[in-house]
Amino acid sequence: MKTNGNEKQPFLTDVKELRRRAREHMEEGAVTAGYTADREKVIQLLNDALATEIVCVLRYKRHYYMAKGIEAESVSQEFLEHANEEQVHADTLAERITQLGGAPDLNPATFLQRSHSEYVEGTNLLDMIKEDLVAERVAIDSYRGIIQYLGDKDSTTQRIMEEILAKEEEHADDMASLLARLNPSKRS
């Protein structure tokens, strides 16, 4: 039977062959011969996502400390919760980068160039919420693009990005709800 090269490889059930392959290139850790993604490209995408998460942590932290007004207490707690969750995302991305044999790029001098979202401080509570909502929407589209790029070539990174995407969607929903509560004239 001829194949056109697009068929998936059959599941390998030969335990001896699995064991032999596992001994090859052991220095590559979790990356085995079955890894089909462009590892350098994936590491670059993850480092850009890492920069995005760090910028989001910093923006949410600033908003937490700068929130003022009658609604400030409840809104600032939301900012702090999101900052902490964005930090977890950053840690998860950095860990995956190292699993792929890369180095997390934590150089603060390049965060803004690599980040998909911007660092906008906002002048009041409403502006802060709007900027956080915009950043979440940017992350949602960006991370969805990364997931689509990965396809089935790196299922672990894809799963990580899907989990982060789900949390970013939750954050966007939270910010949209706060925006509607604080700016009732904009409700549809």
Protein backbone atom coordinates (compact mmCIF):
# COMPACT_ATOMS: atom_id res chain seq x y z
CA MET A 1 0.00 0.00 0.00
CA LYS A 2 1.41 3.38 -1.02
CA THR A 3 1.23 6.36 1.30
CA ASN A 4 1.37 10.03 0.44
CA GLY A 5 3.29 10.98 3.60
CA ASN A 6 0.31 12.70 5.23
CA GLU A 7 -0.92 9.65 7.12
CA LYS A 8 -0.31 9.54 10.84
CA GLN A 9 2.25 7.08 12.10
CA PRO A 10 0.71 4.05 13.81
CA PHE A 11 0.88 3.90 17.58
CA LEU A 12 4.14 2.25 18.56
CA THR A 13 3.47 -0.79 20.71
CA ASP A 14 6.91 -2.37 20.45
CA VAL A 15 8.15 -1.85 24.00
CA LYS A 16 11.72 -2.72 23.10
CA GLU A 17 11.72 -0.04 20.40
CA LEU A 18 10.23 2.50 22.82
CA ARG A 19 12.97 1.70 25.33
CA ARG A 20 15.68 1.97 22.66
CA ARG A 21 14.40 5.37 21.50
CA ALA A 22 14.18 6.62 25.07
CA ARG A 23 17.92 6.02 25.48
CA GLU A 24 18.77 8.10 22.41
CA HIS A 25 19.53 11.79 22.99
CA MET A 26 18.74 11.57 26.70
CA GLU A 27 20.26 15.03 27.22
CA GLU A 28 17.19 16.47 25.48
CA GLY A 29 15.05 15.53 28.48
CA ALA A 30 11.34 15.56 27.70
CA VAL A 31 11.86 16.24 23.99
CA THR A 32 11.88 12.89 22.24
CA ALA A 33 12.14 11.90 18.57
CA GLY A 34 8.34 12.03 18.45
CA TYR A 35 8.36 15.80 18.98
CA THR A 36 7.43 17.26 15.60
CA ALA A 37 7.12 20.99 16.25
CA ASP A 38 9.81 23.54 15.41
CA ARG A 39 11.27 23.69 18.91
CA GLU A 40 13.06 27.03 18.45
CA LYS A 41 9.87 28.66 17.10
CA VAL A 42 7.81 27.24 19.98
CA ILE A 43 10.36 28.55 22.50
CA GLN A 44 10.21 31.99 20.86
CA LEU A 45 6.39 31.98 20.97
CA LEU A 46 6.46 30.92 24.62
CA ASN A 47 9.00 33.63 25.48
CA ASP A 48 6.75 36.23 23.82
CA ALA A 49 3.80 34.89 25.81
CA LEU A 50 5.99 35.00 28.93
CA ALA A 51 6.73 38.69 28.27
CA THR A 52 3.00 39.28 27.78
CA GLU A 53 2.21 37.66 31.12
CA ILE A 54 4.90 39.63 32.98
CA VAL A 55 3.64 42.91 31.50
CA CYS A 56 0.12 41.92 32.60
CA VAL A 57 1.34 41.14 36.12
CA LEU A 58 2.97 44.56 36.34
CA ARG A 59 -0.06 46.41 34.94
CA TYR A 60 -2.49 44.61 37.26
CA LYS A 61 -0.21 45.24 40.26
CA ARG A 62 -0.05 48.96 39.46
CA HIS A 63 -3.81 49.06 39.10
CA TYR A 64 -4.17 47.25 42.42
CA TYR A 65 -2.08 49.88 44.21
CA MET A 66 -3.50 52.88 42.33
CA ALA A 67 -7.22 52.05 42.50
CA LYS A 68 -9.15 54.91 44.09
CA GLY A 69 -12.81 55.73 44.52
CA ILE A 70 -15.97 54.29 45.97
CA GLU A 71 -15.61 50.99 44.05
CA ALA A 72 -11.84 50.76 44.56
CA GLU A 73 -11.75 48.12 47.27
CA SER A 74 -13.63 45.38 45.40
CA VAL A 75 -12.07 46.26 42.05
CA SER A 76 -8.54 46.37 43.46
CA GLN A 77 -9.00 42.89 44.90
CA GLU A 78 -9.94 41.69 41.41
CA PHE A 79 -6.78 43.35 40.05
CA LEU A 80 -4.67 41.58 42.67
CA GLU A 81 -6.28 38.20 41.97
CA HIS A 82 -5.60 38.62 38.25
CA ALA A 83 -2.00 39.71 38.88
CA ASN A 84 -1.41 36.56 40.90
CA GLU A 85 -2.99 34.35 38.24
CA GLU A 86 -0.93 36.01 35.49
CA GLN A 87 2.18 35.25 37.56
CA VAL A 88 1.18 31.58 37.67
CA HIS A 89 0.86 31.69 33.86
CA ALA A 90 4.34 33.23 33.59
CA ASP A 91 5.80 30.53 35.83
CA THR A 92 4.09 27.78 33.81
CA LEU A 93 5.42 29.20 30.54
CA ALA A 94 8.96 29.54 31.93
CA GLU A 95 8.86 25.94 33.11
CA ARG A 96 7.69 24.71 29.69
CA ILE A 97 10.43 26.71 27.96
CA THR A 98 13.05 24.94 30.07
CA GLN A 99 11.43 21.54 29.40
CA LEU A 100 11.89 22.24 25.70
CA GLY A 101 15.58 22.98 26.25
CA GLY A 102 15.24 26.75 26.05
CA ALA A 103 15.90 29.58 28.45
CA PRO A 104 13.12 31.82 29.75
CA ASP A 105 13.81 35.36 28.53
CA LEU A 106 13.25 37.44 31.66
CA ASN A 107 15.22 40.45 30.48
CA PRO A 108 13.10 43.42 31.61
CA ALA A 109 14.65 45.63 28.94
CA THR A 110 12.81 43.69 26.21
CA PHE A 111 9.48 42.87 27.87
CA LEU A 112 7.54 45.64 26.12
CA GLN A 113 8.97 44.84 22.69
CA ARG A 114 8.10 41.15 23.03
CA SER A 115 4.80 41.49 24.86
CA HIS A 116 1.65 41.23 22.80
CA SER A 117 -0.20 43.49 25.24
CA GLU A 118 0.73 47.02 26.17
CA TYR A 119 1.51 48.49 29.54
CA VAL A 120 -1.00 51.31 29.90
CA GLU A 121 -1.38 52.68 33.40
CA GLY A 122 -4.80 54.35 33.14
CA THR A 123 -5.68 57.56 34.96
CA ASN A 124 -8.76 56.38 36.85
CA LEU A 125 -10.51 53.16 37.81
CA LEU A 126 -12.58 53.04 34.64
CA ASP A 127 -9.52 53.55 32.43
CA MET A 128 -7.64 50.84 34.33
CA ILE A 129 -10.45 48.35 33.78
CA LYS A 130 -10.66 49.23 30.09
CA GLU A 131 -6.90 48.79 29.62
CA ASP A 132 -6.95 45.45 31.41
CA LEU A 133 -9.88 44.31 29.26
CA VAL A 134 -8.04 45.33 26.08
CA ALA A 135 -4.92 43.44 27.23
CA GLU A 136 -6.97 40.33 27.99
CA ARG A 137 -8.58 40.48 24.55
CA VAL A 138 -5.14 40.79 22.93
CA ALA A 139 -3.89 37.78 24.91
CA ILE A 140 -6.98 35.76 23.95
CA ASP A 141 -6.43 36.25 20.23
CA SER A 142 -2.67 35.83 20.52
CA TYR A 143 -2.89 32.61 22.53
CA ARG A 144 -5.59 31.23 20.24
CA GLY A 145 -3.18 31.81 17.35
CA ILE A 146 -0.40 29.96 19.18
CA ILE A 147 -2.74 27.03 19.85
CA GLN A 148 -3.71 26.88 16.18
CA TYR A 149 -0.05 27.06 15.14
CA LEU A 150 0.85 24.16 17.44
CA GLY A 151 -1.91 21.94 16.12
CA ASP A 152 -1.03 18.38 17.09
CA LYS A 153 2.75 18.92 16.89
CA ASP A 154 3.18 19.71 20.62
CA SER A 155 0.20 18.53 22.64
CA THR A 156 1.70 19.49 26.02
CA THR A 157 2.36 23.10 25.03
CA GLN A 158 -1.03 23.21 23.33
CA ARG A 159 -2.75 22.04 26.53
CA ILE A 160 -0.83 24.60 28.61
CA MET A 161 -1.83 27.38 26.23
CA GLU A 162 -5.47 26.20 26.25
CA GLU A 163 -5.52 26.33 30.05
CA ILE A 164 -4.02 29.82 30.06
CA LEU A 165 -6.44 30.92 27.31
CA ALA A 166 -9.41 29.73 29.38
CA LYS A 167 -8.20 31.81 32.34
CA GLU A 168 -7.63 34.87 30.10
CA GLU A 169 -11.21 34.52 28.81
CA GLU A 170 -12.39 34.43 32.42
CA HIS A 171 -10.34 37.57 33.16
CA ALA A 172 -11.85 39.35 30.15
CA ASP A 173 -15.33 38.42 31.33
CA ASP A 174 -14.51 39.75 34.82
CA MET A 175 -13.25 43.04 33.39
CA ALA A 176 -16.29 43.37 31.10
CA SER A 177 -18.57 42.84 34.10
CA LEU A 178 -16.69 45.46 36.13
CA LEU A 179 -16.85 47.86 33.22
CA ALA A 180 -20.61 47.39 32.92
CA ARG A 181 -21.03 47.89 36.67
CA LEU A 182 -18.95 51.07 36.78
CA ASN A 183 -20.08 52.50 33.46
CA PRO A 184 -23.82 51.73 33.29
CA SER A 185 -24.35 54.15 30.36
CA LYS A 186 -22.39 51.71 28.11
CA ARG A 187 -24.63 48.68 28.78
CA SER A 188 -26.32 47.27 25.71
